[in-house]
C-alpha atoms as a PDB file:
ATOM      1  CA  MET A   1     -96.019 -53.179 -34.251  1.00  0.00           C
ATOM      2  CA  PRO A   2     -96.297 -50.562 -37.002  1.00  0.00           C
ATOM      3  CA  ASN A   3     -98.000 -47.978 -34.783  1.00  0.00           C
ATOM      4  CA  GLN A   4     -95.189 -48.052 -32.248  1.00  0.00           C
ATOM      5  CA  TRP A   5     -92.544 -47.686 -34.962  1.00  0.00           C
ATOM      6  CA  SER A   6     -94.238 -44.797 -36.724  1.00  0.00           C
ATOM      7  CA  ASP A   7     -95.256 -42.627 -33.740  1.00  0.00           C
ATOM      8  CA  TYR A   8     -92.068 -41.288 -32.157  1.00  0.00           C
ATOM      9  CA  LYS A   9     -93.836 -39.024 -29.667  1.00  0.00           C
ATOM     10  CA  LYS A  10     -96.353 -41.518 -28.315  1.00  0.00           C
ATOM     11  CA  TYR A  11     -94.080 -44.581 -28.212  1.00  0.00           C
ATOM     12  CA  ARG A  12     -90.440 -45.013 -27.192  1.00  0.00           C
ATOM     13  CA  LEU A  13     -89.683 -47.997 -29.414  1.00  0.00           C
ATOM     14  CA  THR A  14     -87.494 -45.919 -31.757  1.00  0.00           C
ATOM     15  CA  HIS A  15     -85.608 -44.082 -28.998  1.00  0.00           C
ATOM     16  CA  ILE A  16     -81.932 -44.980 -28.692  1.00  0.00           C
ATOM     17  CA  VAL A  17     -82.287 -46.579 -25.251  1.00  0.00           C
ATOM     18  CA  CYS A  18     -85.004 -48.927 -26.508  1.00  0.00           C
ATOM     19  CA  LEU A  19     -83.203 -49.695 -29.767  1.00  0.00           C
ATOM     20  CA  ASN A  20     -80.082 -50.558 -27.797  1.00  0.00           C
ATOM     21  CA  ALA A  21     -82.136 -52.819 -25.512  1.00  0.00           C
ATOM     22  CA  LEU A  22     -83.671 -54.530 -28.539  1.00  0.00           C
ATOM     23  CA  SER A  23     -80.217 -55.140 -30.009  1.00  0.00           C
ATOM     24  CA  ILE A  24     -78.967 -56.637 -26.719  1.00  0.00           C
ATOM     25  CA  ALA A  25     -82.034 -58.873 -26.491  1.00  0.00           C
ATOM     26  CA  GLY A  26     -81.753 -59.771 -30.180  1.00  0.00           C
ATOM     27  CA  ASN A  27     -78.165 -60.859 -29.681  1.00  0.00           C
ATOM     28  CA  HIS A  28     -79.293 -63.053 -26.812  1.00  0.00           C
ATOM     29  CA  ILE A  29     -82.153 -64.723 -28.693  1.00  0.00           C
ATOM     30  CA  ILE A  30     -80.057 -65.301 -31.813  1.00  0.00           C
ATOM     31  CA  SER A  31     -77.234 -66.828 -29.771  1.00  0.00           C
ATOM     32  CA  ASP A  32     -79.679 -69.127 -27.988  1.00  0.00           C
ATOM     33  CA  ASN A  33     -81.281 -70.281 -31.249  1.00  0.00           C
ATOM     34  CA  TYR A  34     -78.264 -70.617 -33.525  1.00  0.00           C
ATOM     35  CA  ASN A  35     -76.895 -74.013 -34.452  1.00  0.00           C
ATOM     36  CA  PHE A  36     -73.167 -73.509 -35.013  1.00  0.00           C
ATOM     37  CA  SER A  37     -72.619 -76.910 -36.599  1.00  0.00           C
ATOM     38  CA  SER A  38     -75.158 -76.282 -39.378  1.00  0.00           C
ATOM     39  CA  ASN A  39     -74.896 -72.450 -39.391  1.00  0.00           C
ATOM     40  CA  GLN A  40     -78.670 -72.107 -39.197  1.00  0.00           C
ATOM     41  CA  LEU A  41     -81.145 -70.281 -37.003  1.00  0.00           C
ATOM     42  CA  ASN A  42     -84.118 -71.998 -35.422  1.00  0.00           C
ATOM     43  CA  ASN A  43     -86.662 -69.605 -36.936  1.00  0.00           C
ATOM     44  CA  THR A  44     -89.591 -71.377 -35.305  1.00  0.00           C
ATOM     45  CA  GLU A  45     -88.297 -70.709 -31.797  1.00  0.00           C
ATOM     46  CA  ILE A  46     -87.335 -67.136 -32.645  1.00  0.00           C
ATOM     47  CA  SER A  47     -90.819 -66.443 -34.014  1.00  0.00           C
ATOM     48  CA  LYS A  48     -92.440 -67.885 -30.893  1.00  0.00           C
ATOM     49  CA  SER A  49     -90.246 -65.734 -28.678  1.00  0.00           C
ATOM     50  CA  LEU A  50     -90.900 -62.539 -30.618  1.00  0.00           C
ATOM     51  CA  THR A  51     -94.669 -62.780 -30.220  1.00  0.00           C
ATOM     52  CA  ASN A  52     -94.215 -62.051 -26.500  1.00  0.00           C
ATOM     53  CA  ILE A  53     -92.420 -58.763 -27.182  1.00  0.00           C
ATOM     54  CA  GLN A  54     -95.781 -57.202 -28.031  1.00  0.00           C
ATOM     55  CA  ASN A  55     -96.727 -57.512 -24.351  1.00  0.00           C
ATOM     56  CA  ILE A  56     -94.245 -54.770 -23.412  1.00  0.00           C
ATOM     57  CA  ASP A  57     -95.741 -51.314 -22.917  1.00  0.00           C
ATOM     58  CA  TRP A  58     -93.716 -49.165 -25.350  1.00  0.00           C
ATOM     59  CA  SER A  59     -95.687 -45.972 -24.663  1.00  0.00           C
ATOM     60  CA  SER A  60     -93.850 -42.766 -23.754  1.00  0.00           C
ATOM     61  CA  GLU A  61     -96.029 -42.290 -20.688  1.00  0.00           C
ATOM     62  CA  GLY A  62     -95.606 -45.829 -19.352  1.00  0.00           C
ATOM     63  CA  SER A  63     -92.790 -47.433 -17.414  1.00  0.00           C
ATOM     64  CA  LEU A  64     -90.257 -46.515 -20.125  1.00  0.00           C
ATOM     65  CA  LYS A  65     -90.768 -42.785 -19.566  1.00  0.00           C
ATOM     66  CA  TYR A  66     -87.769 -42.367 -17.256  1.00  0.00           C
ATOM     67  CA  LEU A  67     -85.512 -44.985 -18.845  1.00  0.00           C
ATOM     68  CA  LYS A  68     -82.143 -43.403 -19.655  1.00  0.00           C
ATOM     69  CA  GLY A  69     -78.636 -44.435 -20.643  1.00  0.00           C
ATOM     70  CA  VAL A  70     -76.828 -47.733 -20.801  1.00  0.00           C
ATOM     71  CA  SER A  71     -78.191 -48.903 -17.455  1.00  0.00           C
ATOM     72  CA  GLY A  72     -81.736 -48.281 -18.734  1.00  0.00           C
ATOM     73  CA  SER A  73     -80.987 -50.234 -21.914  1.00  0.00           C
ATOM     74  CA  ASN A  74     -79.618 -53.142 -19.898  1.00  0.00           C
ATOM     75  CA  LEU A  75     -82.640 -53.130 -17.601  1.00  0.00           C
ATOM     76  CA  LEU A  76     -85.071 -53.089 -20.530  1.00  0.00           C
ATOM     77  CA  ALA A  77     -83.065 -55.771 -22.347  1.00  0.00           C
ATOM     78  CA  ALA A  78     -83.375 -58.017 -19.289  1.00  0.00           C
ATOM     79  CA  ASP A  79     -87.157 -57.451 -19.313  1.00  0.00           C
ATOM     80  CA  ILE A  80     -87.336 -58.246 -23.034  1.00  0.00           C
ATOM     81  CA  ILE A  81     -85.286 -61.433 -22.580  1.00  0.00           C
ATOM     82  CA  THR A  82     -87.606 -62.455 -19.743  1.00  0.00           C
ATOM     83  CA  SER A  83     -90.604 -61.884 -22.023  1.00  0.00           C
ATOM     84  CA  PHE A  84     -88.983 -64.218 -24.594  1.00  0.00           C
ATOM     85  CA  LYS A  85     -89.020 -67.016 -22.051  1.00  0.00           C
ATOM     86  CA  ASN A  86     -92.696 -66.575 -21.074  1.00  0.00           C
END
């Protein structure tokens, strides 16, 4: 998603609330796909899950426009985690 990363005004992907949500969701997906006995990630499952993240509308004028604070990060993280499962 290079356009979303490079255009700070048009997309909210690089805003702190969204970055925090991505880190929360990333922690969740890594935990779910980490084999502690072999100390390895299941990269195949992680890759499959990450393709669904592109379905989120990251635009500044979309549903993320009014997302603020920790509660907003947690709400977005829950949406991202749900998109992983779809």
